Structure formats: C-alpha cells, structure tokens
Amino acid sequence: MTATSDFSVKHNGLDVSLINPKNGSKYSPNLFKWLTKRTHRHRAWTSRVFRAECGDLYIGMRDGELIIGSRLIAVLCNGGGEQSWAYTRLSAAKEITEFWPDYVAIGRCAIDPRHSMHFVNDDSRWSIDGEYRYCLWCKNHSQKQRRWVEQIQRAEWEPQEGKK
C-alpha cells in the first residue's frame, strides 16, 4: 500500500458565528468549543464531517487515506478537551457534504435525525402536548408516547424451615 496524500485545505463553508450556542440551544456548546478552541482555531474553517462504514461520525480533515480529527460523539461529550487523532482505517468514510448547512439550519437534529439521542441542555428540544411531543429545533419531527405493561415472572430459591 502506498500512501498518497491529497491534502489540501479548503474552506468548509461554515460561518462558525451562526452556530454559537448563544444563538439557540439547538447548537452544541461542546461542538462550538471544539471548533473555536484558541489553539486550534483552524478547525472552524477546515473541519468536515465523515460517516464511517459502521455509521460512526468523525469530524476533521481528510489527508489521503487518513482522517485527522475526532469522533463526533467524543467532541459532543468532551468539548474543547477532546484531542484530534489520525484515523488510519477510515479510507472508505464518506464526507457528509450537506452537514454544515443542515447543522446551521436545524442544529443537533443534523446529528440525530432519528431524534433518539439525549443531548446536554436538550430540555428545550421538545414541546409536549399530551401524549405527543414536537421538536422545536428542526420543527420537522414529532413523536407519540407509547405505554405498555410488561409482566415479569420471577423465581427464587428460599430455605424451608425444618427440612434438610
């Protein structure tokens, strides 16, 4: 295997001021901190998002067969403290070219289009009306609460008095 580099830094098109959490809770404070970290400010204009074959999301730059960056979930958890790495087994990862425009428009719903994740400070994500809830971030998703009762059968060994 020969390593070829197609490394050229091109602007990702993101105006990072638009995704400042001060503009709304739909934007991740930790992603913003990671992108704007004082010692890594280039991330704001160089970072792209990639989906690995397993479905995991990575954020960073591609350099040939490498992705230099971080797992997106780690950035969401650790913010500016998350380190960047050179990922060598992601040559098949595909860039999600529409990620930044989607993120600017709908915030963290671009990361979680199925609306199944829980985020820090996501208490403002939902408007609840009875057994329905509606997403206030993307304004394009609703869920119905489903309730059920599960019967649980249990067994346990107990000592009997007077028997051996």
Protein backbone atom coordinates (compact mmCIF):
# COMPACT_ATOMS: atom_id res chain seq x y z
CA MET A 1 0.00 0.00 0.00
CA THR A 2 1.46 3.33 -1.00
CA ALA A 3 0.46 6.41 0.89
CA THR A 4 -0.67 9.18 -1.37
CA SER A 5 -1.72 12.49 0.03
CA ASP A 6 -4.45 14.61 -1.46
CA PHE A 7 -4.12 17.00 1.46
CA SER A 8 -5.21 20.46 0.56
CA VAL A 9 -7.08 22.61 3.00
CA LYS A 10 -10.21 24.13 1.56
CA HIS A 11 -12.70 26.21 3.49
CA ASN A 12 -15.67 24.13 4.63
CA GLY A 13 -18.13 26.99 4.09
CA LEU A 14 -19.10 27.23 7.77
CA ASP A 15 -19.65 30.63 9.37
CA VAL A 16 -18.96 29.49 12.93
CA SER A 17 -20.69 32.55 14.40
CA LEU A 18 -24.01 31.12 13.16
CA ILE A 19 -23.70 28.02 15.36
CA ASN A 20 -22.77 29.80 18.57
CA PRO A 21 -24.93 28.32 21.36
CA LYS A 22 -25.85 31.90 22.27
CA ASN A 23 -27.97 31.75 19.08
CA GLY A 24 -30.09 28.92 20.49
CA SER A 25 -29.96 25.70 22.46
CA LYS A 26 -30.19 23.64 19.27
CA TYR A 27 -26.43 24.25 18.84
CA SER A 28 -23.99 22.14 20.82
CA PRO A 29 -21.85 24.11 23.29
CA ASN A 30 -19.20 21.37 23.18
CA LEU A 31 -19.00 21.26 19.38
CA PHE A 32 -18.66 25.05 19.35
CA LYS A 33 -15.88 24.90 21.96
CA TRP A 34 -14.03 22.24 19.96
CA LEU A 35 -14.30 24.22 16.73
CA THR A 36 -13.21 27.50 18.30
CA LYS A 37 -10.54 26.30 20.73
CA ARG A 38 -7.90 29.03 20.90
CA THR A 39 -5.03 26.69 19.99
CA HIS A 40 -6.95 25.01 17.14
CA ARG A 41 -9.00 27.78 15.54
CA HIS A 42 -8.38 26.32 12.09
CA ARG A 43 -10.97 23.66 12.94
CA ALA A 44 -13.78 26.16 12.41
CA TRP A 45 -12.97 26.51 8.72
CA THR A 46 -11.27 23.17 7.93
CA SER A 47 -13.46 20.60 9.70
CA ARG A 48 -15.78 18.40 7.72
CA VAL A 49 -17.97 15.53 8.91
CA PHE A 50 -17.50 11.96 7.67
CA ARG A 51 -19.58 8.81 8.12
CA ALA A 52 -17.62 5.59 8.55
CA GLU A 53 -18.90 2.30 7.15
CA CYS A 54 -20.06 1.33 10.66
CA GLY A 55 -22.17 4.52 10.84
CA ASP A 56 -19.98 6.44 13.31
CA LEU A 57 -19.43 10.13 12.59
CA TYR A 58 -15.98 11.74 12.54
CA ILE A 59 -15.09 15.41 12.34
CA GLY A 60 -11.85 16.73 10.93
CA MET A 61 -9.85 16.84 7.71
CA ARG A 62 -9.04 14.14 5.18
CA ASP A 63 -5.43 13.60 4.19
CA GLY A 64 -5.29 10.79 1.67
CA GLU A 65 -6.49 7.69 3.49
CA LEU A 66 -6.34 9.40 6.90
CA ILE A 67 -8.91 11.44 8.73
CA ILE A 68 -7.28 13.81 11.16
CA GLY A 69 -9.82 14.76 13.78
CA SER A 70 -12.09 13.17 16.36
CA ARG A 71 -15.16 11.03 16.72
CA LEU A 72 -18.08 13.45 16.72
CA ILE A 73 -19.70 11.81 19.76
CA ALA A 74 -16.46 12.36 21.71
CA VAL A 75 -16.49 16.04 20.75
CA LEU A 76 -20.12 16.31 21.88
CA CYS A 77 -19.15 14.79 25.23
CA ASN A 78 -15.75 16.40 25.86
CA GLY A 79 -15.88 19.71 24.00
CA GLY A 80 -12.62 21.60 23.61
CA GLY A 81 -10.82 18.97 25.68
CA GLU A 82 -11.25 16.30 23.00
CA GLN A 83 -7.99 15.55 21.21
CA SER A 84 -7.51 15.12 17.47
CA TRP A 85 -6.14 11.86 16.13
CA ALA A 86 -5.02 10.41 12.82
CA TYR A 87 -7.51 7.67 11.96
CA THR A 88 -5.95 5.21 9.55
CA ARG A 89 -8.82 2.80 8.91
CA LEU A 90 -11.35 5.26 7.56
CA SER A 91 -10.43 5.40 3.88
CA ALA A 92 -13.98 4.32 2.98
CA ALA A 93 -15.59 7.04 5.14
CA LYS A 94 -17.78 9.36 3.11
CA GLU A 95 -17.96 13.09 3.64
CA ILE A 96 -21.43 14.35 4.52
CA THR A 97 -21.27 17.41 2.28
CA GLU A 98 -24.60 18.81 3.48
CA PHE A 99 -23.71 18.52 7.19
CA TRP A 100 -22.78 22.15 7.89
CA PRO A 101 -25.75 23.72 6.06
CA ASP A 102 -28.04 21.25 7.84
CA TYR A 103 -26.42 21.94 11.21
CA VAL A 104 -26.79 25.71 10.75
CA ALA A 105 -30.48 25.22 9.90
CA ILE A 106 -31.56 22.56 12.42
CA GLY A 107 -28.73 22.29 14.94
CA ARG A 108 -28.16 18.99 16.69
CA CYS A 109 -31.02 17.38 14.77
CA ALA A 110 -28.49 17.14 11.91
CA ILE A 111 -26.50 14.78 14.15
CA ASP A 112 -29.58 12.90 15.37
CA PRO A 113 -32.18 12.87 12.56
CA ARG A 114 -33.99 9.93 14.23
CA HIS A 115 -34.40 12.04 17.38
CA SER A 116 -33.28 9.18 19.60
CA MET A 117 -30.26 10.72 21.36
CA HIS A 118 -30.15 12.77 24.52
CA PHE A 119 -28.02 15.90 24.50
CA VAL A 120 -26.67 18.22 27.16
CA ASN A 121 -29.19 21.04 27.66
CA ASP A 122 -31.78 19.44 25.40
CA ASP A 123 -34.65 20.27 27.76
CA SER A 124 -35.68 22.94 25.26
CA ARG A 125 -35.82 20.47 22.36
CA TRP A 126 -39.41 19.35 22.80
CA SER A 127 -42.84 20.89 23.09
CA ILE A 128 -45.13 18.39 24.82
CA ASP A 129 -48.89 18.24 24.24
CA GLY A 130 -50.48 15.27 25.98
CA GLU A 131 -49.05 12.09 24.53
CA TYR A 132 -47.31 13.89 21.65
CA ARG A 133 -44.11 15.89 21.53
CA TYR A 134 -42.80 18.11 18.77
CA CYS A 135 -39.20 19.06 18.04
CA LEU A 136 -38.62 22.78 18.45
CA TRP A 137 -35.14 22.65 16.93
CA CYS A 138 -35.91 21.33 13.44
CA LYS A 139 -39.70 21.81 13.57
CA ASN A 140 -40.00 18.71 11.40
CA HIS A 141 -40.34 15.80 13.81
CA SER A 142 -42.97 14.56 16.23
CA GLN A 143 -43.27 11.54 18.46
CA LYS A 144 -46.12 9.80 20.22
CA GLN A 145 -45.56 8.35 23.66
CA ARG A 146 -46.30 4.64 23.72
CA ARG A 147 -47.09 2.97 27.03
CA TRP A 148 -47.21 -0.71 27.84
CA VAL A 149 -47.22 -3.03 30.79
CA GLU A 150 -44.76 -5.86 30.98
CA GLN A 151 -45.44 -8.93 33.06
CA ILE A 152 -42.35 -10.22 34.78
CA GLN A 153 -42.21 -13.78 36.07
CA ARG A 154 -39.64 -14.36 38.80
CA ALA A 155 -38.36 -17.42 40.62
CA GLU A 156 -36.14 -17.60 43.69
CA TRP A 157 -34.89 -20.41 45.93
CA GLU A 158 -35.94 -20.00 49.55
CA PRO A 159 -34.96 -22.03 52.61
CA GLN A 160 -37.68 -24.17 54.14
CA GLU A 161 -37.96 -24.41 57.91
CA GLY A 162 -37.30 -27.86 59.34
CA LYS A 163 -36.25 -29.55 56.07
CA LYS A 164 -32.81 -30.55 55.02
